[in-house]
C-alpha atoms as a PDB file:
ATOM      1  CA  MET A   1      21.975 -56.259  25.452  1.00  0.00           C
ATOM      2  CA  SER A   2      20.470 -57.386  22.226  1.00  0.00           C
ATOM      3  CA  MET A   3      18.976 -55.161  19.513  1.00  0.00           C
ATOM      4  CA  SER A   4      15.512 -56.443  20.175  1.00  0.00           C
ATOM      5  CA  THR A   5      15.516 -54.948  23.654  1.00  0.00           C
ATOM      6  CA  LEU A   6      16.393 -51.446  22.318  1.00  0.00           C
ATOM      7  CA  ARG A   7      13.694 -51.357  19.684  1.00  0.00           C
ATOM      8  CA  PRO A   8      10.200 -50.340  20.645  1.00  0.00           C
ATOM      9  CA  SER A   9       7.567 -52.959  20.287  1.00  0.00           C
ATOM     10  CA  ARG A  10       5.386 -50.681  18.106  1.00  0.00           C
ATOM     11  CA  PRO A  11       6.589 -48.564  15.219  1.00  0.00           C
ATOM     12  CA  CYS A  12       6.695 -44.789  15.909  1.00  0.00           C
ATOM     13  CA  VAL A  13       4.758 -43.827  12.830  1.00  0.00           C
ATOM     14  CA  ALA A  14       1.888 -41.406  13.356  1.00  0.00           C
ATOM     15  CA  THR A  15      -1.212 -42.278  11.468  1.00  0.00           C
ATOM     16  CA  ILE A  16      -3.262 -39.415  10.023  1.00  0.00           C
ATOM     17  CA  PRO A  17      -6.984 -39.992   9.540  1.00  0.00           C
ATOM     18  CA  ARG A  18      -8.153 -40.214   5.921  1.00  0.00           C
ATOM     19  CA  GLU A  19     -10.465 -37.190   6.297  1.00  0.00           C
ATOM     20  CA  GLU A  20      -7.574 -34.959   7.324  1.00  0.00           C
ATOM     21  CA  ILE A  21      -5.504 -36.141   4.352  1.00  0.00           C
ATOM     22  CA  GLU A  22      -8.370 -35.225   2.005  1.00  0.00           C
ATOM     23  CA  ILE A  23      -8.661 -31.786   3.594  1.00  0.00           C
ATOM     24  CA  MET A  24      -4.899 -31.197   3.216  1.00  0.00           C
ATOM     25  CA  LYS A  25      -5.028 -32.257  -0.444  1.00  0.00           C
ATOM     26  CA  THR A  26      -7.945 -29.909  -1.091  1.00  0.00           C
ATOM     27  CA  ALA A  27      -6.166 -27.025   0.628  1.00  0.00           C
ATOM     28  CA  ALA A  28      -2.995 -27.643  -1.396  1.00  0.00           C
ATOM     29  CA  ALA A  29      -4.968 -27.772  -4.657  1.00  0.00           C
ATOM     30  CA  LEU A  30      -6.787 -24.507  -3.840  1.00  0.00           C
ATOM     31  CA  ALA A  31      -3.462 -22.846  -2.970  1.00  0.00           C
ATOM     32  CA  LEU A  32      -2.034 -23.904  -6.351  1.00  0.00           C
ATOM     33  CA  ILE A  33      -5.081 -22.580  -8.179  1.00  0.00           C
ATOM     34  CA  GLY A  34      -4.860 -19.287  -6.296  1.00  0.00           C
ATOM     35  CA  SER A  35      -1.185 -18.846  -7.081  1.00  0.00           C
ATOM     36  CA  ALA A  36      -1.768 -19.596 -10.756  1.00  0.00           C
ATOM     37  CA  ALA A  37      -4.448 -16.888 -10.872  1.00  0.00           C
ATOM     38  CA  ALA A  38      -1.846 -14.349  -9.749  1.00  0.00           C
ATOM     39  CA  PHE A  39       0.003 -14.787 -13.043  1.00  0.00           C
ATOM     40  CA  ALA A  40      -3.064 -14.662 -15.282  1.00  0.00           C
ATOM     41  CA  PRO A  41      -3.119 -11.707 -17.714  1.00  0.00           C
ATOM     42  CA  VAL A  42      -5.228  -8.812 -16.558  1.00  0.00           C
ATOM     43  CA  GLN A  43      -7.526  -6.955 -18.905  1.00  0.00           C
ATOM     44  CA  GLN A  44      -5.928  -3.517 -19.340  1.00  0.00           C
ATOM     45  CA  GLY A  45      -8.356  -0.665 -19.499  1.00  0.00           C
ATOM     46  CA  ARG A  46      -7.770   2.884 -20.511  1.00  0.00           C
ATOM     47  CA  VAL A  47      -5.495   4.657 -18.069  1.00  0.00           C
ATOM     48  CA  ASN A  48      -6.650   8.094 -16.939  1.00  0.00           C
ATOM     49  CA  THR A  49      -3.712  10.420 -16.399  1.00  0.00           C
ATOM     50  CA  ALA A  50      -5.730  13.529 -15.757  1.00  0.00           C
ATOM     51  CA  ILE A  51      -4.730  15.470 -12.676  1.00  0.00           C
ATOM     52  CA  ALA A  52      -8.238  16.652 -11.885  1.00  0.00           C
ATOM     53  CA  GLY A  53      -9.646  13.243 -11.065  1.00  0.00           C
ATOM     54  CA  ASP A  54     -11.914  14.529  -8.293  1.00  0.00           C
ATOM     55  CA  ALA A  55     -14.969  16.508  -9.347  1.00  0.00           C
ATOM     56  CA  ARG A  56     -14.956  18.416  -6.055  1.00  0.00           C
ATOM     57  CA  SER A  57     -11.492  19.837  -6.780  1.00  0.00           C
ATOM     58  CA  PRO A  58     -11.855  22.681  -9.298  1.00  0.00           C
ATOM     59  CA  ASP A  59      -8.108  23.306  -9.640  1.00  0.00           C
ATOM     60  CA  GLY A  60      -7.027  19.664  -9.829  1.00  0.00           C
ATOM     61  CA  LEU A  61      -5.089  19.568  -6.558  1.00  0.00           C
ATOM     62  CA  GLY A  62      -7.327  17.060  -4.893  1.00  0.00           C
ATOM     63  CA  VAL A  63      -8.431  19.575  -2.272  1.00  0.00           C
ATOM     64  CA  ASP A  64     -12.107  19.951  -1.482  1.00  0.00           C
ATOM     65  CA  PRO A  65     -12.718  23.685  -1.176  1.00  0.00           C
ATOM     66  CA  GLY A  66     -15.828  23.150   0.882  1.00  0.00           C
ATOM     67  CA  PRO A  67     -18.911  25.309   0.773  1.00  0.00           C
ATOM     68  CA  LEU A  68     -16.944  28.578   0.926  1.00  0.00           C
ATOM     69  CA  ASP A  69     -14.759  27.921  -2.182  1.00  0.00           C
ATOM     70  CA  LEU A  70     -12.406  30.829  -1.447  1.00  0.00           C
ATOM     71  CA  PHE A  71     -11.412  30.757   2.206  1.00  0.00           C
ATOM     72  CA  ASP A  72      -9.554  33.973   3.024  1.00  0.00           C
ATOM     73  CA  PRO A  73     -10.692  35.155   6.467  1.00  0.00           C
ATOM     74  CA  LEU A  74      -7.929  37.773   6.740  1.00  0.00           C
ATOM     75  CA  GLY A  75      -8.473  39.301   3.293  1.00  0.00           C
ATOM     76  CA  LEU A  76      -4.899  38.696   2.110  1.00  0.00           C
ATOM     77  CA  VAL A  77      -5.798  37.836  -1.458  1.00  0.00           C
ATOM     78  CA  GLU A  78      -6.095  40.934  -3.633  1.00  0.00           C
ATOM     79  CA  ASP A  79      -7.654  39.135  -6.575  1.00  0.00           C
ATOM     80  CA  ALA A  80      -9.435  35.789  -6.553  1.00  0.00           C
ATOM     81  CA  ASP A  81      -7.735  34.763  -9.816  1.00  0.00           C
ATOM     82  CA  SER A  82      -4.339  34.266  -8.115  1.00  0.00           C
ATOM     83  CA  PHE A  83      -5.765  32.104  -5.315  1.00  0.00           C
ATOM     84  CA  PRO A  84      -5.528  28.712  -7.128  1.00  0.00           C
ATOM     85  CA  ARG A  85      -1.887  29.348  -8.017  1.00  0.00           C
ATOM     86  CA  ARG A  86      -1.060  30.392  -4.446  1.00  0.00           C
ATOM     87  CA  ARG A  87      -2.746  27.261  -3.117  1.00  0.00           C
ATOM     88  CA  ALA A  88      -0.743  25.074  -5.544  1.00  0.00           C
ATOM     89  CA  VAL A  89       2.512  26.751  -4.523  1.00  0.00           C
ATOM     90  CA  GLU A  90       1.687  26.293  -0.848  1.00  0.00           C
ATOM     91  CA  ILE A  91       1.067  22.578  -1.369  1.00  0.00           C
ATOM     92  CA  LYS A  92       4.342  22.269  -3.286  1.00  0.00           C
ATOM     93  CA  HIS A  93       6.282  23.987  -0.514  1.00  0.00           C
ATOM     94  CA  GLY A  94       4.672  21.733   2.053  1.00  0.00           C
ATOM     95  CA  ARG A  95       5.809  18.660   0.127  1.00  0.00           C
ATOM     96  CA  ILE A  96       9.361  20.016  -0.163  1.00  0.00           C
ATOM     97  CA  ALA A  97       9.389  20.670   3.610  1.00  0.00           C
ATOM     98  CA  MET A  98       8.276  17.077   4.281  1.00  0.00           C
ATOM     99  CA  ALA A  99      11.080  15.718   2.057  1.00  0.00           C
ATOM    100  CA  ALA A 100      13.583  17.974   3.809  1.00  0.00           C
ATOM    101  CA  PHE A 101      12.441  16.671   7.198  1.00  0.00           C
ATOM    102  CA  ILE A 102      12.956  13.073   6.079  1.00  0.00           C
ATOM    103  CA  GLY A 103      16.444  14.038   4.835  1.00  0.00           C
ATOM    104  CA  MET A 104      17.239  15.583   8.201  1.00  0.00           C
ATOM    105  CA  MET A 105      16.069  12.463  10.033  1.00  0.00           C
ATOM    106  CA  VAL A 106      18.215  10.242   7.778  1.00  0.00           C
ATOM    107  CA  GLN A 107      21.292  12.346   8.622  1.00  0.00           C
ATOM    108  CA  GLU A 108      20.509  12.263  12.354  1.00  0.00           C
ATOM    109  CA  LEU A 109      20.281   8.465  12.263  1.00  0.00           C
ATOM    110  CA  GLY A 110      23.776   8.319  10.785  1.00  0.00           C
ATOM    111  CA  ILE A 111      22.809   6.803   7.455  1.00  0.00           C
ATOM    112  CA  THR A 112      25.425   7.762   4.890  1.00  0.00           C
ATOM    113  CA  PHE A 113      25.538   7.314   1.158  1.00  0.00           C
ATOM    114  CA  PRO A 114      28.759   6.627  -0.750  1.00  0.00           C
END
């Protein structure tokens, strides 16, 4: 068996049409331009650190009080002045309870820290 019998008669090189090559070059150039724009400096504006960013939230907690403003259907609030503080404390306790639940789930999954 000679080497000429093992070789194919035509080369196994795929030819890509010229239009497709131009499209691939354009796509690669646009990808490079897009990735360069990610590292361009951004104009820094003034940062607002105010808690009361929402005009609907009078106490700055981000809670819309709705049309009733003071919702106390059972009459548990003696004075309306303590209501915003009690609402803030309730939100804080809810957040602590959510963090405690995540901690409990981490322990149940067997994840340990050194």
